[in-house]
Amino acid sequence: MKDKIEATLEYYNVKEEQILKAVNSGKPLTTDEIISYGQQMTEIVHKITALEVAKEN
């Protein structure tokens, strides 16, 4: 089970990194893009937190 959790954590960490790169790319973002990236990051952070808690138990 820990292997699946680790693999999923790795996936979400990559997704988080992709969003951060897109936001910090220097390309002008629209308001809708900023909101969308913020929503995506919120979901990813919640999933990562839940997975880390599950990994500890």
C-alpha atoms as a PDB file:
ATOM      1  CA  MET A   1       0.000   0.000   0.000  1.00  0.00           C
ATOM      2  CA  LYS A   2       2.854   2.417   0.777  1.00  0.00           C
ATOM      3  CA  ASP A   3       4.190   1.994  -2.756  1.00  0.00           C
ATOM      4  CA  LYS A   4       0.871   3.228  -4.176  1.00  0.00           C
ATOM      5  CA  ILE A   5       0.837   6.159  -1.782  1.00  0.00           C
ATOM      6  CA  GLU A   6       4.425   7.055  -2.710  1.00  0.00           C
ATOM      7  CA  ALA A   7       3.637   6.849  -6.428  1.00  0.00           C
ATOM      8  CA  THR A   8       0.561   9.024  -6.014  1.00  0.00           C
ATOM      9  CA  LEU A   9       2.487  11.547  -3.909  1.00  0.00           C
ATOM     10  CA  GLU A  10       5.140  11.728  -6.593  1.00  0.00           C
ATOM     11  CA  TYR A  11       2.462  12.332  -9.242  1.00  0.00           C
ATOM     12  CA  TYR A  12       0.873  15.191  -7.306  1.00  0.00           C
ATOM     13  CA  ASN A  13       4.246  16.735  -6.514  1.00  0.00           C
ATOM     14  CA  VAL A  14       5.011  16.801 -10.240  1.00  0.00           C
ATOM     15  CA  LYS A  15       1.624  18.381 -10.943  1.00  0.00           C
ATOM     16  CA  GLU A  16       2.265  20.984  -8.244  1.00  0.00           C
ATOM     17  CA  GLU A  17       5.644  21.782  -9.790  1.00  0.00           C
ATOM     18  CA  GLN A  18       4.074  22.152 -13.257  1.00  0.00           C
ATOM     19  CA  ILE A  19       1.533  24.647 -11.972  1.00  0.00           C
ATOM     20  CA  LEU A  20       4.207  26.652 -10.156  1.00  0.00           C
ATOM     21  CA  LYS A  21       6.319  26.785 -13.323  1.00  0.00           C
ATOM     22  CA  ALA A  22       3.337  27.958 -15.355  1.00  0.00           C
ATOM     23  CA  VAL A  23       2.497  30.690 -12.856  1.00  0.00           C
ATOM     24  CA  ASN A  24       6.112  31.834 -12.504  1.00  0.00           C
ATOM     25  CA  SER A  25       6.926  31.635 -16.203  1.00  0.00           C
ATOM     26  CA  GLY A  26       6.690  35.371 -16.667  1.00  0.00           C
ATOM     27  CA  LYS A  27       3.911  34.992 -19.202  1.00  0.00           C
ATOM     28  CA  PRO A  28       1.047  37.388 -18.473  1.00  0.00           C
ATOM     29  CA  LEU A  29      -1.873  35.485 -16.960  1.00  0.00           C
ATOM     30  CA  THR A  30      -5.529  36.313 -17.251  1.00  0.00           C
ATOM     31  CA  THR A  31      -7.699  36.573 -14.186  1.00  0.00           C
ATOM     32  CA  ASP A  32      -9.397  33.304 -15.113  1.00  0.00           C
ATOM     33  CA  GLU A  33      -6.028  31.548 -15.394  1.00  0.00           C
ATOM     34  CA  ILE A  34      -4.939  32.818 -11.989  1.00  0.00           C
ATOM     35  CA  ILE A  35      -8.187  31.619 -10.412  1.00  0.00           C
ATOM     36  CA  SER A  36      -7.928  28.257 -12.154  1.00  0.00           C
ATOM     37  CA  TYR A  37      -4.317  27.712 -11.079  1.00  0.00           C
ATOM     38  CA  GLY A  38      -5.261  28.685  -7.525  1.00  0.00           C
ATOM     39  CA  GLN A  39      -8.105  26.181  -7.451  1.00  0.00           C
ATOM     40  CA  GLN A  40      -5.894  23.446  -8.874  1.00  0.00           C
ATOM     41  CA  MET A  41      -3.170  24.153  -6.316  1.00  0.00           C
ATOM     42  CA  THR A  42      -5.687  24.053  -3.467  1.00  0.00           C
ATOM     43  CA  GLU A  43      -6.918  20.630  -4.580  1.00  0.00           C
ATOM     44  CA  ILE A  44      -3.406  19.285  -5.022  1.00  0.00           C
ATOM     45  CA  VAL A  45      -2.216  20.552  -1.635  1.00  0.00           C
ATOM     46  CA  HIS A  46      -5.211  18.936   0.073  1.00  0.00           C
ATOM     47  CA  LYS A  47      -4.545  15.635  -1.696  1.00  0.00           C
ATOM     48  CA  ILE A  48      -0.836  15.734  -0.834  1.00  0.00           C
ATOM     49  CA  THR A  49      -1.636  16.448   2.815  1.00  0.00           C
ATOM     50  CA  ALA A  50      -4.122  13.573   2.978  1.00  0.00           C
ATOM     51  CA  LEU A  51      -1.659  11.199   1.355  1.00  0.00           C
ATOM     52  CA  GLU A  52       1.118  12.180   3.755  1.00  0.00           C
ATOM     53  CA  VAL A  53      -1.196  11.535   6.714  1.00  0.00           C
ATOM     54  CA  ALA A  54      -2.180   8.163   5.250  1.00  0.00           C
ATOM     55  CA  LYS A  55       1.471   7.316   4.736  1.00  0.00           C
ATOM     56  CA  GLU A  56       2.240   7.986   8.399  1.00  0.00           C
ATOM     57  CA  ASN A  57      -0.547   5.691   9.576  1.00  0.00           C
END
